[in-house]
Amino acid sequence: MKESVGNPLHLKSLNHVSLVCRSVEESIDFYQNVLGFVPIRRPGSFDFDGAWLFGYGIGIHLLQSEDPEILPKKSEINPKDNHISFQCESMGAVEMKLKEMGIKYVRSMVQEGGIDVEQMFFHDPDGFMIEICDCDNLPVIPLVGEMARSCSRVNLQIMQPPQLRVVQQ
């Protein structure tokens, strides 16, 4: 019998997402001026171009591509593509700002048990997908156990990984 613990690696939180980009400067502009991240100091021992930004409890690490021309160019916004998602306070305000900035986006709606979750998807300068949502409306319900919480950052601070023991046969 193999036992598995709820948090075998003792994880605490998401630290950062690293993204390879065509132009570090363009990506800094996007993550700073569209999403509100703040540039932070990056270790000087790195021997390659890049930048670090921080916001909302996570980091974005931008890495300059060694050959920007080989990076795939994405034009179609596909909500099923790899993406990072951010919870927002007002979907209406987000949509107004995206329109004002001339950023092309796709709207989507998830419905579950009478709860509607709005989503907006758009690309960063390199085609990496960004989602903005009001996912806090949807409760987080583990498949095992009875704990249910919302996705909000406040509730995540009090939600510890369940100490469940799963026995596989």
C-alpha atoms as a PDB file:
ATOM      1  CA  MET A   1       0.000   0.000   0.000  1.00  0.00           C
ATOM      2  CA  LYS A   2       1.207   3.439  -0.914  1.00  0.00           C
ATOM      3  CA  GLU A   3       0.248   6.392   1.260  1.00  0.00           C
ATOM      4  CA  SER A   4       0.194   9.930  -0.029  1.00  0.00           C
ATOM      5  CA  VAL A   5       0.129  13.067   2.113  1.00  0.00           C
ATOM      6  CA  GLY A   6      -1.795  16.207   1.088  1.00  0.00           C
ATOM      7  CA  ASN A   7       1.348  18.369   0.706  1.00  0.00           C
ATOM      8  CA  PRO A   8       4.325  16.028   0.118  1.00  0.00           C
ATOM      9  CA  LEU A   9       6.697  18.840  -0.967  1.00  0.00           C
ATOM     10  CA  HIS A  10       5.575  21.260   1.786  1.00  0.00           C
ATOM     11  CA  LEU A  11       4.611  23.924  -0.763  1.00  0.00           C
ATOM     12  CA  LYS A  12       3.507  27.351   0.502  1.00  0.00           C
ATOM     13  CA  SER A  13       2.534  29.400  -2.541  1.00  0.00           C
ATOM     14  CA  LEU A  14       3.211  30.222  -6.176  1.00  0.00           C
ATOM     15  CA  ASN A  15       6.439  32.249  -6.313  1.00  0.00           C
ATOM     16  CA  HIS A  16       6.839  33.283  -9.944  1.00  0.00           C
ATOM     17  CA  VAL A  17       6.139  32.509 -13.561  1.00  0.00           C
ATOM     18  CA  SER A  18       9.021  32.730 -16.057  1.00  0.00           C
ATOM     19  CA  LEU A  19       8.296  33.841 -19.597  1.00  0.00           C
ATOM     20  CA  VAL A  20      10.676  33.895 -22.558  1.00  0.00           C
ATOM     21  CA  CYS A  21      10.088  37.038 -24.588  1.00  0.00           C
ATOM     22  CA  ARG A  22      11.102  38.695 -27.857  1.00  0.00           C
ATOM     23  CA  SER A  23      11.690  42.055 -26.180  1.00  0.00           C
ATOM     24  CA  VAL A  24      12.197  42.412 -22.434  1.00  0.00           C
ATOM     25  CA  GLU A  25      11.415  46.143 -22.728  1.00  0.00           C
ATOM     26  CA  GLU A  26       8.049  45.554 -24.465  1.00  0.00           C
ATOM     27  CA  SER A  27       7.124  42.900 -21.926  1.00  0.00           C
ATOM     28  CA  ILE A  28       8.096  45.125 -18.980  1.00  0.00           C
ATOM     29  CA  ASP A  29       5.839  47.826 -20.434  1.00  0.00           C
ATOM     30  CA  PHE A  30       2.930  45.368 -20.753  1.00  0.00           C
ATOM     31  CA  TYR A  31       3.223  43.765 -17.312  1.00  0.00           C
ATOM     32  CA  GLN A  32       3.787  47.137 -15.634  1.00  0.00           C
ATOM     33  CA  ASN A  33       1.244  49.311 -17.472  1.00  0.00           C
ATOM     34  CA  VAL A  34      -1.494  46.783 -18.316  1.00  0.00           C
ATOM     35  CA  LEU A  35      -1.377  44.446 -15.314  1.00  0.00           C
ATOM     36  CA  GLY A  36       0.172  46.720 -12.688  1.00  0.00           C
ATOM     37  CA  PHE A  37       3.298  44.722 -11.831  1.00  0.00           C
ATOM     38  CA  VAL A  38       6.286  46.597 -10.378  1.00  0.00           C
ATOM     39  CA  PRO A  39       9.859  46.029 -11.660  1.00  0.00           C
ATOM     40  CA  ILE A  40      12.107  44.719  -8.885  1.00  0.00           C
ATOM     41  CA  ARG A  41      15.836  44.112  -8.556  1.00  0.00           C
ATOM     42  CA  ARG A  42      17.134  41.011 -10.294  1.00  0.00           C
ATOM     43  CA  PRO A  43      20.318  39.233  -9.188  1.00  0.00           C
ATOM     44  CA  GLY A  44      23.349  40.755 -10.898  1.00  0.00           C
ATOM     45  CA  SER A  45      25.023  37.362 -11.288  1.00  0.00           C
ATOM     46  CA  PHE A  46      22.777  36.450 -14.231  1.00  0.00           C
ATOM     47  CA  ASP A  47      24.687  36.531 -17.509  1.00  0.00           C
ATOM     48  CA  PHE A  48      21.587  36.922 -19.706  1.00  0.00           C
ATOM     49  CA  ASP A  49      19.118  39.730 -20.287  1.00  0.00           C
ATOM     50  CA  GLY A  50      15.850  39.723 -18.391  1.00  0.00           C
ATOM     51  CA  ALA A  51      13.755  41.481 -15.791  1.00  0.00           C
ATOM     52  CA  TRP A  52      11.815  40.650 -12.663  1.00  0.00           C
ATOM     53  CA  LEU A  53       8.465  42.146 -11.759  1.00  0.00           C
ATOM     54  CA  PHE A  54       6.282  41.618  -8.717  1.00  0.00           C
ATOM     55  CA  GLY A  55       2.604  42.079  -7.904  1.00  0.00           C
ATOM     56  CA  TYR A  56      -0.385  40.403  -6.289  1.00  0.00           C
ATOM     57  CA  GLY A  57       1.870  38.083  -4.307  1.00  0.00           C
ATOM     58  CA  ILE A  58       3.676  36.575  -7.313  1.00  0.00           C
ATOM     59  CA  GLY A  59       6.623  37.357  -9.540  1.00  0.00           C
ATOM     60  CA  ILE A  60       6.894  37.511 -13.303  1.00  0.00           C
ATOM     61  CA  HIS A  61      10.416  36.703 -14.517  1.00  0.00           C
ATOM     62  CA  LEU A  62      11.036  37.843 -18.067  1.00  0.00           C
ATOM     63  CA  LEU A  63      13.819  36.117 -19.995  1.00  0.00           C
ATOM     64  CA  GLN A  64      15.140  37.569 -23.237  1.00  0.00           C
ATOM     65  CA  SER A  65      14.972  34.969 -26.005  1.00  0.00           C
ATOM     66  CA  GLU A  66      18.350  34.116 -27.512  1.00  0.00           C
ATOM     67  CA  ASP A  67      16.624  33.948 -30.910  1.00  0.00           C
ATOM     68  CA  PRO A  68      13.417  36.035 -30.851  1.00  0.00           C
ATOM     69  CA  GLU A  69      12.547  35.113 -34.451  1.00  0.00           C
ATOM     70  CA  ILE A  70      11.968  31.444 -33.579  1.00  0.00           C
ATOM     71  CA  LEU A  71       9.362  32.222 -30.902  1.00  0.00           C
ATOM     72  CA  PRO A  72       5.936  31.171 -32.180  1.00  0.00           C
ATOM     73  CA  LYS A  73       3.602  34.048 -33.044  1.00  0.00           C
ATOM     74  CA  LYS A  74       0.066  33.577 -31.774  1.00  0.00           C
ATOM     75  CA  SER A  75      -2.758  35.611 -33.173  1.00  0.00           C
ATOM     76  CA  GLU A  76      -5.835  33.601 -32.197  1.00  0.00           C
ATOM     77  CA  ILE A  77      -6.944  33.950 -28.584  1.00  0.00           C
ATOM     78  CA  ASN A  78      -7.737  30.439 -27.375  1.00  0.00           C
ATOM     79  CA  PRO A  79      -8.995  30.170 -23.774  1.00  0.00           C
ATOM     80  CA  LYS A  80      -7.856  26.528 -23.771  1.00  0.00           C
ATOM     81  CA  ASP A  81      -4.198  27.556 -24.251  1.00  0.00           C
ATOM     82  CA  ASN A  82      -1.621  27.807 -21.454  1.00  0.00           C
ATOM     83  CA  HIS A  83      -2.358  30.877 -19.357  1.00  0.00           C
ATOM     84  CA  ILE A  84      -2.073  32.593 -16.013  1.00  0.00           C
ATOM     85  CA  SER A  85      -5.252  33.889 -14.397  1.00  0.00           C
ATOM     86  CA  PHE A  86      -5.831  36.924 -12.201  1.00  0.00           C
ATOM     87  CA  GLN A  87      -8.845  37.586 -10.004  1.00  0.00           C
ATOM     88  CA  CYS A  88     -10.250  41.110 -10.404  1.00  0.00           C
ATOM     89  CA  GLU A  89     -12.621  43.381  -8.523  1.00  0.00           C
ATOM     90  CA  SER A  90     -14.728  44.492 -11.514  1.00  0.00           C
ATOM     91  CA  MET A  91     -15.036  42.748 -14.857  1.00  0.00           C
ATOM     92  CA  GLY A  92     -16.718  45.874 -16.263  1.00  0.00           C
ATOM     93  CA  ALA A  93     -13.733  48.039 -15.313  1.00  0.00           C
ATOM     94  CA  VAL A  94     -11.335  45.494 -16.848  1.00  0.00           C
ATOM     95  CA  GLU A  95     -13.271  45.414 -20.105  1.00  0.00           C
ATOM     96  CA  MET A  96     -13.387  49.227 -20.287  1.00  0.00           C
ATOM     97  CA  LYS A  97      -9.622  49.448 -19.693  1.00  0.00           C
ATOM     98  CA  LEU A  98      -8.798  46.760 -22.284  1.00  0.00           C
ATOM     99  CA  LYS A  99     -10.938  48.608 -24.861  1.00  0.00           C
ATOM    100  CA  GLU A 100      -9.282  51.912 -23.931  1.00  0.00           C
ATOM    101  CA  MET A 101      -5.825  50.338 -24.380  1.00  0.00           C
ATOM    102  CA  GLY A 102      -6.809  48.736 -27.698  1.00  0.00           C
ATOM    103  CA  ILE A 103      -6.104  45.211 -26.421  1.00  0.00           C
ATOM    104  CA  LYS A 104      -7.965  42.467 -28.286  1.00  0.00           C
ATOM    105  CA  TYR A 105      -9.696  40.033 -25.920  1.00  0.00           C
ATOM    106  CA  VAL A 106     -12.187  37.172 -25.834  1.00  0.00           C
ATOM    107  CA  ARG A 107     -14.979  36.891 -23.268  1.00  0.00           C
ATOM    108  CA  SER A 108     -16.113  33.589 -21.828  1.00  0.00           C
ATOM    109  CA  MET A 109     -18.575  32.433 -19.182  1.00  0.00           C
ATOM    110  CA  VAL A 110     -18.411  29.402 -16.906  1.00  0.00           C
ATOM    111  CA  GLN A 111     -21.634  28.298 -15.257  1.00  0.00           C
ATOM    112  CA  GLU A 112     -21.748  25.838 -12.394  1.00  0.00           C
ATOM    113  CA  GLY A 113     -24.618  25.182 -10.013  1.00  0.00           C
ATOM    114  CA  GLY A 114     -26.316  28.506 -10.715  1.00  0.00           C
ATOM    115  CA  ILE A 115     -23.052  30.453 -10.355  1.00  0.00           C
ATOM    116  CA  ASP A 116     -21.729  32.490 -13.283  1.00  0.00           C
ATOM    117  CA  VAL A 117     -18.002  33.202 -13.636  1.00  0.00           C
ATOM    118  CA  GLU A 118     -16.938  35.757 -16.243  1.00  0.00           C
ATOM    119  CA  GLN A 119     -13.562  35.460 -17.947  1.00  0.00           C
ATOM    120  CA  MET A 120     -11.575  37.642 -20.352  1.00  0.00           C
ATOM    121  CA  PHE A 121      -8.569  36.311 -22.215  1.00  0.00           C
ATOM    122  CA  PHE A 122      -5.873  38.280 -24.033  1.00  0.00           C
ATOM    123  CA  HIS A 123      -2.222  37.957 -25.039  1.00  0.00           C
ATOM    124  CA  ASP A 124       0.919  39.592 -23.735  1.00  0.00           C
ATOM    125  CA  PRO A 125       3.323  40.935 -26.431  1.00  0.00           C
ATOM    126  CA  ASP A 126       4.683  37.414 -27.019  1.00  0.00           C
ATOM    127  CA  GLY A 127       1.355  35.611 -27.245  1.00  0.00           C
ATOM    128  CA  PHE A 128       1.286  34.252 -23.689  1.00  0.00           C
ATOM    129  CA  MET A 129      -2.336  34.069 -22.544  1.00  0.00           C
ATOM    130  CA  ILE A 130      -3.608  36.189 -19.661  1.00  0.00           C
ATOM    131  CA  GLU A 131      -7.008  35.545 -18.069  1.00  0.00           C
ATOM    132  CA  ILE A 132      -8.864  38.028 -15.899  1.00  0.00           C
ATOM    133  CA  CYS A 133     -11.847  36.591 -14.040  1.00  0.00           C
ATOM    134  CA  ASP A 134     -14.274  36.895 -11.189  1.00  0.00           C
ATOM    135  CA  CYS A 135     -13.488  33.308 -10.221  1.00  0.00           C
ATOM    136  CA  ASP A 136     -14.019  34.190  -6.558  1.00  0.00           C
ATOM    137  CA  ASN A 137     -17.707  33.487  -7.204  1.00  0.00           C
ATOM    138  CA  LEU A 138     -16.942  29.787  -7.674  1.00  0.00           C
ATOM    139  CA  PRO A 139     -16.284  27.819  -4.476  1.00  0.00           C
ATOM    140  CA  VAL A 140     -13.217  25.595  -4.212  1.00  0.00           C
ATOM    141  CA  ILE A 141     -14.502  22.139  -3.354  1.00  0.00           C
ATOM    142  CA  PRO A 142     -11.922  19.378  -2.946  1.00  0.00           C
ATOM    143  CA  LEU A 143     -12.832  16.047  -4.510  1.00  0.00           C
ATOM    144  CA  VAL A 144     -11.980  14.429  -1.157  1.00  0.00           C
ATOM    145  CA  GLY A 145     -13.204  15.820   2.149  1.00  0.00           C
ATOM    146  CA  GLU A 146     -15.842  18.391   2.882  1.00  0.00           C
ATOM    147  CA  MET A 147     -13.969  21.703   3.035  1.00  0.00           C
ATOM    148  CA  ALA A 148     -15.333  24.383   0.690  1.00  0.00           C
ATOM    149  CA  ARG A 149     -13.907  27.868   0.300  1.00  0.00           C
ATOM    150  CA  SER A 150     -13.880  30.589  -2.313  1.00  0.00           C
ATOM    151  CA  CYS A 151     -10.848  31.411  -4.470  1.00  0.00           C
ATOM    152  CA  SER A 152     -10.226  34.805  -2.881  1.00  0.00           C
ATOM    153  CA  ARG A 153      -6.729  35.687  -1.723  1.00  0.00           C
ATOM    154  CA  VAL A 154      -8.065  36.418   1.764  1.00  0.00           C
ATOM    155  CA  ASN A 155      -9.524  32.938   2.082  1.00  0.00           C
ATOM    156  CA  LEU A 156      -6.410  31.321   0.629  1.00  0.00           C
ATOM    157  CA  GLN A 157      -4.391  32.775   3.499  1.00  0.00           C
ATOM    158  CA  ILE A 158      -6.480  30.831   5.997  1.00  0.00           C
ATOM    159  CA  MET A 159      -6.828  27.717   3.859  1.00  0.00           C
ATOM    160  CA  GLN A 160      -4.094  25.248   4.654  1.00  0.00           C
ATOM    161  CA  PRO A 161      -3.609  22.155   2.487  1.00  0.00           C
ATOM    162  CA  PRO A 162      -5.769  19.412   3.960  1.00  0.00           C
ATOM    163  CA  GLN A 163      -3.821  16.774   5.807  1.00  0.00           C
ATOM    164  CA  LEU A 164      -5.556  13.900   4.069  1.00  0.00           C
ATOM    165  CA  ARG A 165      -4.183  10.440   3.858  1.00  0.00           C
ATOM    166  CA  VAL A 166      -5.104   8.720   0.649  1.00  0.00           C
ATOM    167  CA  VAL A 167      -4.523   5.011   0.494  1.00  0.00           C
ATOM    168  CA  GLN A 168      -4.070   3.592  -2.983  1.00  0.00           C
ATOM    169  CA  GLN A 169      -4.734  -0.076  -3.471  1.00  0.00           C
END
